[in-house]
């Protein structure tokens, strides 16, 4: 569990309530909590203020590509060569 969700649930705040406090949509909160989407700096500031914690505690510096869903796709996808005859079709 990441710190955003940990602190939100510890304080008994729902995603709907956090939306009311920050103006950040519930779907975005969900994506950030599940680490499918990184929080922007303004979002981090709003979350920290709403939850009464330091931004640096709530969002500690993480290693790049630390979550499996954040694989470096450019290095993992094979290059596809299209032949001249395929381009003409």
PDB file of N, CA and C in Angstrom:
ATOM      1  N   UNK A   1       0.858  -1.180   0.000  1.00  0.00           N
ATOM      2  CA  UNK A   1       0.000   0.000   0.000  1.00  0.00           C
ATOM      3  C   UNK A   1       0.902   1.240   0.000  1.00  0.00           C
ATOM      4  N   UNK A   2       0.600   2.188  -0.870  1.00  0.00           N
ATOM      5  CA  UNK A   2       1.423   3.393  -0.878  1.00  0.00           C
ATOM      6  C   UNK A   2       0.973   4.345   0.224  1.00  0.00           C
ATOM      7  N   UNK A   3       1.774   5.346   0.471  1.00  0.00           N
ATOM      8  CA  UNK A   3       1.523   6.233   1.602  1.00  0.00           C
ATOM      9  C   UNK A   3       0.270   7.079   1.443  1.00  0.00           C
ATOM     10  N   UNK A   4      -0.084   7.447   0.229  1.00  0.00           N
ATOM     11  CA  UNK A   4      -1.300   8.226   0.015  1.00  0.00           C
ATOM     12  C   UNK A   4      -2.506   7.438   0.501  1.00  0.00           C
ATOM     13  N   UNK A   5      -2.645   6.211   0.034  1.00  0.00           N
ATOM     14  CA  UNK A   5      -3.782   5.387   0.450  1.00  0.00           C
ATOM     15  C   UNK A   5      -3.687   5.066   1.943  1.00  0.00           C
ATOM     16  N   UNK A   6      -2.484   4.782   2.417  1.00  0.00           N
ATOM     17  CA  UNK A   6      -2.282   4.464   3.839  1.00  0.00           C
ATOM     18  C   UNK A   6      -2.770   5.604   4.724  1.00  0.00           C
ATOM     19  N   UNK A   7      -2.360   6.811   4.428  1.00  0.00           N
ATOM     20  CA  UNK A   7      -2.740   7.962   5.252  1.00  0.00           C
ATOM     21  C   UNK A   7      -4.223   8.290   5.084  1.00  0.00           C
ATOM     22  N   UNK A   8      -4.723   8.187   3.868  1.00  0.00           N
ATOM     23  CA  UNK A   8      -6.146   8.467   3.631  1.00  0.00           C
ATOM     24  C   UNK A   8      -7.012   7.514   4.434  1.00  0.00           C
ATOM     25  N   UNK A   9      -6.714   6.217   4.383  1.00  0.00           N
ATOM     26  CA  UNK A   9      -7.528   5.231   5.109  1.00  0.00           C
ATOM     27  C   UNK A   9      -7.318   5.338   6.620  1.00  0.00           C
ATOM     28  N   UNK A  10      -6.099   5.648   7.042  1.00  0.00           N
ATOM     29  CA  UNK A  10      -5.820   5.809   8.473  1.00  0.00           C
ATOM     30  C   UNK A  10      -6.647   6.942   9.067  1.00  0.00           C
ATOM     31  N   UNK A  11      -6.853   7.990   8.276  1.00  0.00           N
ATOM     32  CA  UNK A  11      -7.640   9.133   8.742  1.00  0.00           C
ATOM     33  C   UNK A  11      -9.139   8.948   8.493  1.00  0.00           C
ATOM     34  N   UNK A  12      -9.506   7.814   7.889  1.00  0.00           N
ATOM     35  CA  UNK A  12     -10.919   7.542   7.637  1.00  0.00           C
ATOM     36  C   UNK A  12     -11.520   8.410   6.545  1.00  0.00           C
ATOM     37  N   UNK A  13     -10.701   8.782   5.577  1.00  0.00           N
ATOM     38  CA  UNK A  13     -11.149   9.654   4.494  1.00  0.00           C
ATOM     39  C   UNK A  13     -11.369   8.798   3.247  1.00  0.00           C
ATOM     40  N   UNK A  14     -12.530   8.926   2.634  1.00  0.00           N
ATOM     41  CA  UNK A  14     -12.814   8.198   1.398  1.00  0.00           C
ATOM     42  C   UNK A  14     -12.217   8.950   0.215  1.00  0.00           C
ATOM     43  N   UNK A  15     -12.179   8.285  -0.930  1.00  0.00           N
ATOM     44  CA  UNK A  15     -11.702   8.968  -2.145  1.00  0.00           C
ATOM     45  C   UNK A  15     -12.635  10.109  -2.505  1.00  0.00           C
ATOM     46  N   UNK A  16     -13.911   9.955  -2.245  1.00  0.00           N
ATOM     47  CA  UNK A  16     -14.878  11.034  -2.518  1.00  0.00           C
ATOM     48  C   UNK A  16     -14.567  12.247  -1.638  1.00  0.00           C
ATOM     49  N   UNK A  17     -14.282  11.992  -0.362  1.00  0.00           N
ATOM     50  CA  UNK A  17     -13.948  13.092   0.547  1.00  0.00           C
ATOM     51  C   UNK A  17     -12.632  13.756   0.144  1.00  0.00           C
ATOM     52  N   UNK A  18     -11.654  12.953  -0.260  1.00  0.00           N
ATOM     53  CA  UNK A  18     -10.376  13.520  -0.693  1.00  0.00           C
ATOM     54  C   UNK A  18     -10.568  14.356  -1.956  1.00  0.00           C
ATOM     55  N   UNK A  19     -11.462  13.912  -2.832  1.00  0.00           N
ATOM     56  CA  UNK A  19     -11.814  14.700  -4.015  1.00  0.00           C
ATOM     57  C   UNK A  19     -12.382  16.052  -3.596  1.00  0.00           C
ATOM     58  N   UNK A  20     -13.282  16.054  -2.607  1.00  0.00           N
ATOM     59  CA  UNK A  20     -13.876  17.305  -2.122  1.00  0.00           C
ATOM     60  C   UNK A  20     -12.820  18.226  -1.515  1.00  0.00           C
ATOM     61  N   UNK A  21     -11.832  17.640  -0.871  1.00  0.00           N
ATOM     62  CA  UNK A  21     -10.793  18.421  -0.200  1.00  0.00           C
ATOM     63  C   UNK A  21      -9.746  18.978  -1.170  1.00  0.00           C
ATOM     64  N   UNK A  22      -9.509  18.260  -2.275  1.00  0.00           N
ATOM     65  CA  UNK A  22      -8.419  18.633  -3.183  1.00  0.00           C
ATOM     66  C   UNK A  22      -8.865  19.089  -4.565  1.00  0.00           C
ATOM     67  N   UNK A  23     -10.055  18.670  -4.986  1.00  0.00           N
ATOM     68  CA  UNK A  23     -10.496  18.953  -6.348  1.00  0.00           C
ATOM     69  C   UNK A  23      -9.909  17.989  -7.366  1.00  0.00           C
ATOM     70  N   UNK A  24      -9.202  16.948  -6.877  1.00  0.00           N
ATOM     71  CA  UNK A  24      -8.601  15.953  -7.763  1.00  0.00           C
ATOM     72  C   UNK A  24      -9.587  14.813  -7.921  1.00  0.00           C
ATOM     73  N   UNK A  25      -9.942  14.492  -9.151  1.00  0.00           N
ATOM     74  CA  UNK A  25     -10.982  13.502  -9.440  1.00  0.00           C
ATOM     75  C   UNK A  25     -10.680  12.151  -8.808  1.00  0.00           C
ATOM     76  N   UNK A  26     -11.730  11.458  -8.398  1.00  0.00           N
ATOM     77  CA  UNK A  26     -11.592  10.159  -7.726  1.00  0.00           C
ATOM     78  C   UNK A  26     -10.862   9.127  -8.576  1.00  0.00           C
ATOM     79  N   UNK A  27     -11.090   9.131  -9.868  1.00  0.00           N
ATOM     80  CA  UNK A  27     -10.396   8.181 -10.745  1.00  0.00           C
ATOM     81  C   UNK A  27      -8.897   8.461 -10.736  1.00  0.00           C
ATOM     82  N   UNK A  28      -8.535   9.725 -10.736  1.00  0.00           N
ATOM     83  CA  UNK A  28      -7.126  10.098 -10.685  1.00  0.00           C
ATOM     84  C   UNK A  28      -6.517   9.674  -9.356  1.00  0.00           C
ATOM     85  N   UNK A  29      -7.239   9.895  -8.263  1.00  0.00           N
ATOM     86  CA  UNK A  29      -6.773   9.455  -6.941  1.00  0.00           C
ATOM     87  C   UNK A  29      -6.544   7.950  -6.948  1.00  0.00           C
ATOM     88  N   UNK A  30      -7.479   7.218  -7.501  1.00  0.00           N
ATOM     89  CA  UNK A  30      -7.364   5.763  -7.563  1.00  0.00           C
ATOM     90  C   UNK A  30      -6.141   5.339  -8.362  1.00  0.00           C
ATOM     91  N   UNK A  31      -5.932   5.956  -9.519  1.00  0.00           N
ATOM     92  CA  UNK A  31      -4.773   5.621 -10.354  1.00  0.00           C
ATOM     93  C   UNK A  31      -3.461   5.929  -9.634  1.00  0.00           C
ATOM     94  N   UNK A  32      -3.417   7.052  -8.926  1.00  0.00           N
ATOM     95  CA  UNK A  32      -2.204   7.424  -8.199  1.00  0.00           C
ATOM     96  C   UNK A  32      -1.970   6.441  -7.045  1.00  0.00           C
ATOM     97  N   UNK A  33      -3.032   6.100  -6.328  1.00  0.00           N
ATOM     98  CA  UNK A  33      -2.892   5.153  -5.217  1.00  0.00           C
ATOM     99  C   UNK A  33      -2.418   3.776  -5.690  1.00  0.00           C
ATOM    100  N   UNK A  34      -2.865   3.365  -6.858  1.00  0.00           N
ATOM    101  CA  UNK A  34      -2.453   2.063  -7.391  1.00  0.00           C
ATOM    102  C   UNK A  34      -1.154   2.150  -8.191  1.00  0.00           C
ATOM    103  N   UNK A  35      -0.573   3.335  -8.224  1.00  0.00           N
ATOM    104  CA  UNK A  35       0.703   3.612  -8.891  1.00  0.00           C
ATOM    105  C   UNK A  35       0.655   3.356 -10.393  1.00  0.00           C
ATOM    106  N   UNK A  36      -0.512   3.578 -10.986  1.00  0.00           N
ATOM    107  CA  UNK A  36      -0.636   3.505 -12.444  1.00  0.00           C
ATOM    108  C   UNK A  36      -0.356   4.860 -13.072  1.00  0.00           C
ATOM    109  N   UNK A  37      -0.394   5.907 -12.249  1.00  0.00           N
ATOM    110  CA  UNK A  37      -0.215   7.278 -12.712  1.00  0.00           C
ATOM    111  C   UNK A  37       0.597   8.025 -11.662  1.00  0.00           C
ATOM    112  N   UNK A  38       1.645   8.724 -12.053  1.00  0.00           N
ATOM    113  CA  UNK A  38       2.394   9.504 -11.064  1.00  0.00           C
ATOM    114  C   UNK A  38       1.651  10.798 -10.744  1.00  0.00           C
ATOM    115  N   UNK A  39       1.740  11.225  -9.502  1.00  0.00           N
ATOM    116  CA  UNK A  39       1.115  12.489  -9.106  1.00  0.00           C
ATOM    117  C   UNK A  39       1.985  13.650  -9.576  1.00  0.00           C
ATOM    118  N   UNK A  40       1.341  14.697 -10.052  1.00  0.00           N
ATOM    119  CA  UNK A  40       2.073  15.913 -10.435  1.00  0.00           C
ATOM    120  C   UNK A  40       2.456  16.669  -9.160  1.00  0.00           C
ATOM    121  N   UNK A  41       3.346  17.621  -9.277  1.00  0.00           N
ATOM    122  CA  UNK A  41       3.763  18.399  -8.105  1.00  0.00           C
ATOM    123  C   UNK A  41       2.577  19.142  -7.474  1.00  0.00           C
ATOM    124  N   UNK A  42       1.715  19.805  -8.260  1.00  0.00           N
ATOM    125  CA  UNK A  42       0.552  20.458  -7.642  1.00  0.00           C
ATOM    126  C   UNK A  42      -0.378  19.455  -6.933  1.00  0.00           C
ATOM    127  N   UNK A  43      -0.548  18.270  -7.519  1.00  0.00           N
ATOM    128  CA  UNK A  43      -1.369  17.248  -6.871  1.00  0.00           C
ATOM    129  C   UNK A  43      -0.742  16.797  -5.560  1.00  0.00           C
ATOM    130  N   UNK A  44       0.571  16.591  -5.558  1.00  0.00           N
ATOM    131  CA  UNK A  44       1.273  16.188  -4.346  1.00  0.00           C
ATOM    132  C   UNK A  44       1.062  17.217  -3.238  1.00  0.00           C
ATOM    133  N   UNK A  45       1.150  18.492  -3.592  1.00  0.00           N
ATOM    134  CA  UNK A  45       0.959  19.564  -2.613  1.00  0.00           C
ATOM    135  C   UNK A  45      -0.458  19.559  -2.055  1.00  0.00           C
ATOM    136  N   UNK A  46      -1.441  19.343  -2.926  1.00  0.00           N
ATOM    137  CA  UNK A  46      -2.837  19.307  -2.477  1.00  0.00           C
ATOM    138  C   UNK A  46      -3.098  18.116  -1.564  1.00  0.00           C
ATOM    139  N   UNK A  47      -2.578  16.948  -1.921  1.00  0.00           N
ATOM    140  CA  UNK A  47      -2.757  15.762  -1.085  1.00  0.00           C
ATOM    141  C   UNK A  47      -2.113  15.966   0.284  1.00  0.00           C
ATOM    142  N   UNK A  48      -0.887  16.467   0.304  1.00  0.00           N
ATOM    143  CA  UNK A  48      -0.173  16.670   1.566  1.00  0.00           C
ATOM    144  C   UNK A  48      -0.917  17.654   2.462  1.00  0.00           C
ATOM    145  N   UNK A  49      -1.400  18.747   1.890  1.00  0.00           N
ATOM    146  CA  UNK A  49      -2.136  19.748   2.663  1.00  0.00           C
ATOM    147  C   UNK A  49      -3.444  19.158   3.206  1.00  0.00           C
ATOM    148  N   UNK A  50      -4.149  18.417   2.372  1.00  0.00           N
ATOM    149  CA  UNK A  50      -5.433  17.837   2.786  1.00  0.00           C
ATOM    150  C   UNK A  50      -5.255  16.797   3.895  1.00  0.00           C
ATOM    151  N   UNK A  51      -4.151  16.047   3.833  1.00  0.00           N
ATOM    152  CA  UNK A  51      -3.927  14.978   4.809  1.00  0.00           C
ATOM    153  C   UNK A  51      -3.074  15.427   5.993  1.00  0.00           C
ATOM    154  N   UNK A  52      -2.568  16.654   5.943  1.00  0.00           N
ATOM    155  CA  UNK A  52      -1.811  17.206   7.060  1.00  0.00           C
ATOM    156  C   UNK A  52      -0.449  16.563   7.263  1.00  0.00           C
ATOM    157  N   UNK A  53       0.210  16.212   6.169  1.00  0.00           N
ATOM    158  CA  UNK A  53       1.543  15.613   6.246  1.00  0.00           C
ATOM    159  C   UNK A  53       2.466  16.336   5.274  1.00  0.00           C
ATOM    160  N   UNK A  54       3.767  16.086   5.426  1.00  0.00           N
ATOM    161  CA  UNK A  54       4.727  16.679   4.500  1.00  0.00           C
ATOM    162  C   UNK A  54       4.680  15.957   3.168  1.00  0.00           C
ATOM    163  N   UNK A  55       4.799  16.740   2.125  1.00  0.00           N
ATOM    164  CA  UNK A  55       4.803  16.178   0.768  1.00  0.00           C
ATOM    165  C   UNK A  55       5.934  15.171   0.609  1.00  0.00           C
ATOM    166  N   UNK A  56       7.092  15.446   1.185  1.00  0.00           N
ATOM    167  CA  UNK A  56       8.249  14.552   1.055  1.00  0.00           C
ATOM    168  C   UNK A  56       8.012  13.208   1.747  1.00  0.00           C
ATOM    169  N   UNK A  57       7.192  13.198   2.791  1.00  0.00           N
ATOM    170  CA  UNK A  57       6.860  11.924   3.443  1.00  0.00           C
ATOM    171  C   UNK A  57       5.830  11.163   2.609  1.00  0.00           C
ATOM    172  N   UNK A  58       4.834  11.883   2.134  1.00  0.00           N
ATOM    173  CA  UNK A  58       3.735  11.262   1.396  1.00  0.00           C
ATOM    174  C   UNK A  58       4.214  10.679   0.070  1.00  0.00           C
ATOM    175  N   UNK A  59       5.135  11.358  -0.582  1.00  0.00           N
ATOM    176  CA  UNK A  59       5.661  10.915  -1.877  1.00  0.00           C
ATOM    177  C   UNK A  59       7.187  10.879  -1.828  1.00  0.00           C
ATOM    178  N   UNK A  60       7.750   9.852  -1.179  1.00  0.00           N
ATOM    179  CA  UNK A  60       9.216   9.764  -1.127  1.00  0.00           C
ATOM    180  C   UNK A  60       9.775   9.506  -2.524  1.00  0.00           C
ATOM    181  N   UNK A  61      11.001   9.907  -2.721  1.00  0.00           N
ATOM    182  CA  UNK A  61      11.655   9.677  -4.014  1.00  0.00           C
ATOM    183  C   UNK A  61      11.726   8.178  -4.253  1.00  0.00           C
ATOM    184  N   UNK A  62      11.246   7.736  -5.399  1.00  0.00           N
ATOM    185  CA  UNK A  62      11.236   6.311  -5.737  1.00  0.00           C
ATOM    186  C   UNK A  62      12.222   6.046  -6.854  1.00  0.00           C
ATOM    187  N   UNK A  63      12.659   4.824  -6.934  1.00  0.00           N
ATOM    188  CA  UNK A  63      13.528   4.426  -8.036  1.00  0.00           C
ATOM    189  C   UNK A  63      12.723   4.449  -9.326  1.00  0.00           C
ATOM    190  N   UNK A  64      13.345   4.823 -10.410  1.00  0.00           N
ATOM    191  CA  UNK A  64      12.677   4.833 -11.719  1.00  0.00           C
ATOM    192  C   UNK A  64      12.209   3.425 -12.052  1.00  0.00           C
ATOM    193  N   UNK A  65      11.038   3.343 -12.627  1.00  0.00           N
ATOM    194  CA  UNK A  65      10.450   2.074 -13.047  1.00  0.00           C
ATOM    195  C   UNK A  65      10.338   1.070 -11.900  1.00  0.00           C
ATOM    196  N   UNK A  66       9.996   1.564 -10.693  1.00  0.00           N
ATOM    197  CA  UNK A  66       9.917   0.681  -9.541  1.00  0.00           C
ATOM    198  C   UNK A  66       8.635  -0.140  -9.521  1.00  0.00           C
ATOM    199  N   UNK A  67       7.667   0.227 -10.298  1.00  0.00           N
ATOM    200  CA  UNK A  67       6.397  -0.496 -10.341  1.00  0.00           C
ATOM    201  C   UNK A  67       6.347  -1.303 -11.630  1.00  0.00           C
ATOM    202  N   UNK A  68       5.861  -2.548 -11.555  1.00  0.00           N
ATOM    203  CA  UNK A  68       5.836  -3.390 -12.761  1.00  0.00           C
ATOM    204  C   UNK A  68       5.066  -2.788 -13.930  1.00  0.00           C
ATOM    205  N   UNK A  69       4.051  -1.985 -13.648  1.00  0.00           N
ATOM    206  CA  UNK A  69       3.262  -1.408 -14.739  1.00  0.00           C
ATOM    207  C   UNK A  69       3.997  -0.268 -15.430  1.00  0.00           C
ATOM    208  N   UNK A  70       5.142   0.131 -14.884  1.00  0.00           N
ATOM    209  CA  UNK A  70       5.901   1.231 -15.462  1.00  0.00           C
ATOM    210  C   UNK A  70       7.141   0.745 -16.184  1.00  0.00           C
ATOM    211  N   UNK A  71       7.049  -0.359 -16.826  1.00  0.00           N
ATOM    212  CA  UNK A  71       8.199  -0.896 -17.564  1.00  0.00           C
ATOM    213  C   UNK A  71       8.576   0.078 -18.663  1.00  0.00           C
ATOM    214  N   UNK A  72       9.815   0.085 -19.005  1.00  0.00           N
ATOM    215  CA  UNK A  72      10.292   0.947 -20.074  1.00  0.00           C
ATOM    216  C   UNK A  72       9.928   0.299 -21.404  1.00  0.00           C
ATOM    217  N   UNK A  73       8.795   0.702 -21.935  1.00  0.00           N
ATOM    218  CA  UNK A  73       8.278   0.054 -23.130  1.00  0.00           C
ATOM    219  C   UNK A  73       9.180   0.255 -24.333  1.00  0.00           C
ATOM    220  N   UNK A  74       9.813   1.392 -24.429  1.00  0.00           N
ATOM    221  CA  UNK A  74      10.637   1.651 -25.606  1.00  0.00           C
ATOM    222  C   UNK A  74      11.794   0.662 -25.702  1.00  0.00           C
ATOM    223  N   UNK A  75      12.302   0.202 -24.570  1.00  0.00           N
ATOM    224  CA  UNK A  75      13.421  -0.731 -24.614  1.00  0.00           C
ATOM    225  C   UNK A  75      12.970  -2.184 -24.713  1.00  0.00           C
ATOM    226  N   UNK A  76      11.684  -2.441 -24.477  1.00  0.00           N
ATOM    227  CA  UNK A  76      11.196  -3.814 -24.473  1.00  0.00           C
ATOM    228  C   UNK A  76      10.459  -4.208 -25.750  1.00  0.00           C
ATOM    229  N   UNK A  77      10.012  -3.238 -26.504  1.00  0.00           N
ATOM    230  CA  UNK A  77       9.261  -3.554 -27.708  1.00  0.00           C
ATOM    231  C   UNK A  77      10.206  -3.803 -28.876  1.00  0.00           C
ATOM    232  N   UNK A  78       9.946  -4.827 -29.644  1.00  0.00           N
ATOM    233  CA  UNK A  78      10.816  -5.088 -30.790  1.00  0.00           C
ATOM    234  C   UNK A  78      10.557  -4.072 -31.893  1.00  0.00           C
ATOM    235  N   UNK A  79      11.575  -3.803 -32.666  1.00  0.00           N
ATOM    236  CA  UNK A  79      11.418  -2.934 -33.823  1.00  0.00           C
ATOM    237  C   UNK A  79      10.725  -3.731 -34.920  1.00  0.00           C
ATOM    238  N   UNK A  80       9.780  -3.119 -35.576  1.00  0.00           N
ATOM    239  CA  UNK A  80       9.045  -3.786 -36.648  1.00  0.00           C
ATOM    240  C   UNK A  80       9.501  -3.187 -37.977  1.00  0.00           C
ATOM    241  N   UNK A  81       9.971  -4.025 -38.833  1.00  0.00           N
ATOM    242  CA  UNK A  81      10.412  -3.582 -40.152  1.00  0.00           C
ATOM    243  C   UNK A  81       9.272  -3.801 -41.146  1.00  0.00           C
ATOM    244  N   UNK A  82       8.949  -2.777 -41.889  1.00  0.00           N
ATOM    245  CA  UNK A  82       7.924  -2.904 -42.908  1.00  0.00           C
ATOM    246  C   UNK A  82       8.611  -2.909 -44.262  1.00  0.00           C
ATOM    247  N   UNK A  83       8.354  -3.960 -45.014  1.00  0.00           N
ATOM    248  CA  UNK A  83       8.992  -4.072 -46.315  1.00  0.00           C
ATOM    249  C   UNK A  83       8.354  -3.112 -47.305  1.00  0.00           C
ATOM    250  N   UNK A  84       9.046  -2.810 -48.352  1.00  0.00           N
ATOM    251  CA  UNK A  84       8.543  -1.895 -49.373  1.00  0.00           C
ATOM    252  C   UNK A  84       7.258  -2.439 -49.994  1.00  0.00           C
ATOM    253  N   UNK A  85       7.171  -3.760 -50.184  1.00  0.00           N
ATOM    254  CA  UNK A  85       5.962  -4.341 -50.797  1.00  0.00           C
ATOM    255  C   UNK A  85       4.760  -4.220 -49.870  1.00  0.00           C
ATOM    256  N   UNK A  86       4.968  -4.279 -48.564  1.00  0.00           N
ATOM    257  CA  UNK A  86       3.868  -4.126 -47.619  1.00  0.00           C
ATOM    258  C   UNK A  86       3.367  -2.685 -47.585  1.00  0.00           C
ATOM    259  N   UNK A  87       4.260  -1.717 -47.804  1.00  0.00           N
ATOM    260  CA  UNK A  87       3.882  -0.302 -47.808  1.00  0.00           C
ATOM    261  C   UNK A  87       2.981   0.015 -49.004  1.00  0.00           C
ATOM    262  N   UNK A  88       3.178  -0.686 -50.105  1.00  0.00           N
ATOM    263  CA  UNK A  88       2.423  -0.410 -51.337  1.00  0.00           C
ATOM    264  C   UNK A  88       0.999  -0.934 -51.272  1.00  0.00           C
ATOM    265  N   UNK A  89       0.724  -1.875 -50.390  1.00  0.00           N
ATOM    266  CA  UNK A  89      -0.614  -2.488 -50.318  1.00  0.00           C
ATOM    267  C   UNK A  89      -1.606  -1.623 -49.699  1.00  0.00           C
TER     268      UNK A  89
END
